[in-house]
Amino acid sequence: MTAQRMASTRRTQPCRRYKLDVLTLQSKMHCGLIQHWSPQQTAGRLKRKHPNDQTMHISHEAI
């Protein structure tokens, strides 16, 4: 199998977003968006509110 074919196969497979499986994180993101916070504000507030919990950290691009 050539490198180009392998790269094309990987590109067609969907990327799994494991962070979004955490229901607490989903609900916090949803609440922030309902309150009309920007994704940057939501991500920043989550990091400030949960500084030691890596499961509650997410980038604004993922939101």
N, C-alpha and C. Protein backbone atom coordinates (compact mmCIF):
# COMPACT_ATOMS: atom_id res chain seq x y z
N MET A 1 0.85 -1.17 0.00
CA MET A 1 0.00 0.00 0.00
C MET A 1 0.90 1.24 0.00
N THR A 2 0.61 2.17 -0.86
CA THR A 2 1.43 3.36 -0.97
C THR A 2 1.09 4.34 0.15
N ALA A 3 2.00 5.25 0.37
CA ALA A 3 1.80 6.26 1.42
C ALA A 3 0.61 7.16 1.08
N GLN A 4 0.45 7.46 -0.20
CA GLN A 4 -0.67 8.32 -0.60
C GLN A 4 -2.01 7.65 -0.32
N ARG A 5 -2.12 6.36 -0.59
CA ARG A 5 -3.36 5.63 -0.36
C ARG A 5 -3.65 5.55 1.15
N MET A 6 -2.61 5.32 1.95
CA MET A 6 -2.79 5.26 3.40
C MET A 6 -3.24 6.62 3.94
N ALA A 7 -2.65 7.69 3.45
CA ALA A 7 -3.04 9.03 3.90
C ALA A 7 -4.47 9.35 3.49
N SER A 8 -4.85 8.95 2.30
CA SER A 8 -6.23 9.19 1.85
C SER A 8 -7.24 8.42 2.69
N THR A 9 -6.88 7.20 3.08
CA THR A 9 -7.77 6.39 3.92
C THR A 9 -7.94 7.02 5.29
N ARG A 10 -6.84 7.49 5.88
CA ARG A 10 -6.92 8.12 7.19
C ARG A 10 -7.72 9.41 7.14
N ARG A 11 -7.61 10.15 6.06
CA ARG A 11 -8.30 11.42 5.94
C ARG A 11 -9.82 11.24 5.88
N THR A 12 -10.28 10.14 5.31
CA THR A 12 -11.72 9.92 5.19
C THR A 12 -12.34 9.41 6.48
N GLN A 13 -11.51 8.92 7.43
CA GLN A 13 -12.05 8.44 8.69
C GLN A 13 -12.33 9.62 9.61
N PRO A 14 -13.47 9.63 10.28
CA PRO A 14 -13.81 10.77 11.14
C PRO A 14 -12.89 10.84 12.36
N CYS A 15 -12.62 12.05 12.79
CA CYS A 15 -11.80 12.27 13.97
C CYS A 15 -12.69 12.16 15.20
N ARG A 16 -12.28 11.37 16.17
CA ARG A 16 -13.06 11.14 17.38
C ARG A 16 -12.74 12.22 18.39
N ARG A 17 -13.77 12.88 18.91
CA ARG A 17 -13.59 13.93 19.91
C ARG A 17 -13.93 13.38 21.28
N TYR A 18 -12.91 12.90 21.97
CA TYR A 18 -13.12 12.24 23.26
C TYR A 18 -13.54 13.22 24.35
N LYS A 19 -13.10 14.45 24.28
CA LYS A 19 -13.46 15.43 25.30
C LYS A 19 -14.96 15.65 25.34
N LEU A 20 -15.61 15.56 24.21
CA LEU A 20 -17.04 15.84 24.17
C LEU A 20 -17.88 14.68 24.71
N ASP A 21 -17.22 13.57 25.10
CA ASP A 21 -17.94 12.47 25.73
C ASP A 21 -18.23 12.75 27.20
N VAL A 22 -17.52 13.71 27.79
CA VAL A 22 -17.72 14.04 29.20
C VAL A 22 -18.99 14.88 29.32
N LEU A 23 -20.02 14.32 29.94
CA LEU A 23 -21.32 15.00 29.99
C LEU A 23 -21.26 16.29 30.79
N THR A 24 -20.45 16.34 31.85
CA THR A 24 -20.34 17.56 32.63
C THR A 24 -19.77 18.68 31.77
N LEU A 25 -18.76 18.36 30.98
CA LEU A 25 -18.16 19.36 30.10
C LEU A 25 -19.16 19.82 29.05
N GLN A 26 -19.92 18.89 28.50
CA GLN A 26 -20.95 19.24 27.51
C GLN A 26 -21.96 20.20 28.10
N SER A 27 -22.42 19.91 29.31
CA SER A 27 -23.45 20.76 29.91
C SER A 27 -22.89 22.14 30.24
N LYS A 28 -21.64 22.22 30.70
CA LYS A 28 -21.02 23.53 31.00
C LYS A 28 -20.86 24.35 29.72
N MET A 29 -20.44 23.69 28.63
CA MET A 29 -20.30 24.40 27.36
C MET A 29 -21.65 24.90 26.88
N HIS A 30 -22.67 24.05 27.01
CA HIS A 30 -24.02 24.41 26.58
C HIS A 30 -24.53 25.60 27.38
N CYS A 31 -24.32 25.59 28.68
CA CYS A 31 -24.77 26.71 29.53
C CYS A 31 -24.08 28.01 29.12
N GLY A 32 -22.79 27.92 28.83
CA GLY A 32 -22.06 29.12 28.41
C GLY A 32 -22.59 29.68 27.10
N LEU A 33 -22.90 28.79 26.17
CA LEU A 33 -23.42 29.26 24.88
C LEU A 33 -24.83 29.81 25.00
N ILE A 34 -25.64 29.24 25.90
CA ILE A 34 -26.99 29.77 26.13
C ILE A 34 -26.93 31.18 26.71
N GLN A 35 -25.90 31.42 27.54
CA GLN A 35 -25.74 32.75 28.15
C GLN A 35 -25.05 33.72 27.19
N HIS A 36 -24.88 33.31 25.94
CA HIS A 36 -24.30 34.14 24.88
C HIS A 36 -22.85 34.49 25.14
N TRP A 37 -22.10 33.58 25.80
CA TRP A 37 -20.66 33.76 25.95
C TRP A 37 -20.00 33.28 24.67
N SER A 38 -18.91 33.89 24.33
CA SER A 38 -18.16 33.43 23.17
C SER A 38 -17.45 32.12 23.54
N PRO A 39 -17.03 31.34 22.54
CA PRO A 39 -16.27 30.13 22.85
C PRO A 39 -14.99 30.43 23.64
N GLN A 40 -14.35 31.57 23.37
CA GLN A 40 -13.15 31.94 24.12
C GLN A 40 -13.49 32.19 25.58
N GLN A 41 -14.61 32.88 25.85
CA GLN A 41 -15.01 33.13 27.23
C GLN A 41 -15.37 31.83 27.94
N THR A 42 -16.08 30.96 27.26
CA THR A 42 -16.48 29.69 27.86
C THR A 42 -15.25 28.85 28.21
N ALA A 43 -14.30 28.74 27.29
CA ALA A 43 -13.08 27.95 27.54
C ALA A 43 -12.28 28.56 28.68
N GLY A 44 -12.17 29.88 28.70
CA GLY A 44 -11.42 30.55 29.76
C GLY A 44 -12.06 30.38 31.12
N ARG A 45 -13.37 30.48 31.19
CA ARG A 45 -14.07 30.31 32.46
C ARG A 45 -13.93 28.88 32.98
N LEU A 46 -14.00 27.91 32.08
CA LEU A 46 -13.84 26.52 32.50
C LEU A 46 -12.45 26.28 33.08
N LYS A 47 -11.42 26.85 32.44
CA LYS A 47 -10.05 26.67 32.93
C LYS A 47 -9.85 27.35 34.29
N ARG A 48 -10.47 28.53 34.46
CA ARG A 48 -10.34 29.22 35.75
C ARG A 48 -11.11 28.52 36.85
N LYS A 49 -12.29 28.01 36.52
CA LYS A 49 -13.13 27.39 37.52
C LYS A 49 -12.63 25.99 37.91
N HIS A 50 -11.99 25.28 36.99
CA HIS A 50 -11.50 23.92 37.22
C HIS A 50 -10.01 23.85 36.85
N PRO A 51 -9.14 24.52 37.60
CA PRO A 51 -7.72 24.57 37.20
C PRO A 51 -7.00 23.23 37.27
N ASN A 52 -7.42 22.33 38.15
CA ASN A 52 -6.71 21.06 38.32
C ASN A 52 -7.39 19.90 37.63
N ASP A 53 -8.50 20.12 36.97
CA ASP A 53 -9.26 19.06 36.32
C ASP A 53 -9.09 19.16 34.81
N GLN A 54 -8.19 18.36 34.26
CA GLN A 54 -7.91 18.42 32.82
C GLN A 54 -9.09 18.00 31.96
N THR A 55 -10.04 17.24 32.52
CA THR A 55 -11.20 16.83 31.72
C THR A 55 -12.14 18.01 31.46
N MET A 56 -11.99 19.09 32.23
CA MET A 56 -12.84 20.27 32.04
C MET A 56 -12.16 21.35 31.23
N HIS A 57 -10.96 21.08 30.69
CA HIS A 57 -10.26 22.05 29.85
C HIS A 57 -10.51 21.71 28.39
N ILE A 58 -10.88 22.72 27.63
CA ILE A 58 -11.14 22.51 26.20
C ILE A 58 -10.77 23.79 25.47
N SER A 59 -10.33 23.68 24.26
CA SER A 59 -9.97 24.86 23.50
C SER A 59 -11.21 25.50 22.90
N HIS A 60 -11.10 26.77 22.58
CA HIS A 60 -12.25 27.46 22.01
C HIS A 60 -12.56 26.95 20.61
N GLU A 61 -11.56 26.38 19.92
CA GLU A 61 -11.82 25.82 18.59
C GLU A 61 -12.71 24.59 18.66
N ALA A 62 -12.59 23.82 19.73
CA ALA A 62 -13.39 22.61 19.88
C ALA A 62 -14.84 22.93 20.20
N ILE A 63 -15.07 24.09 20.79
CA ILE A 63 -16.44 24.49 21.11
C ILE A 63 -17.13 24.95 19.86
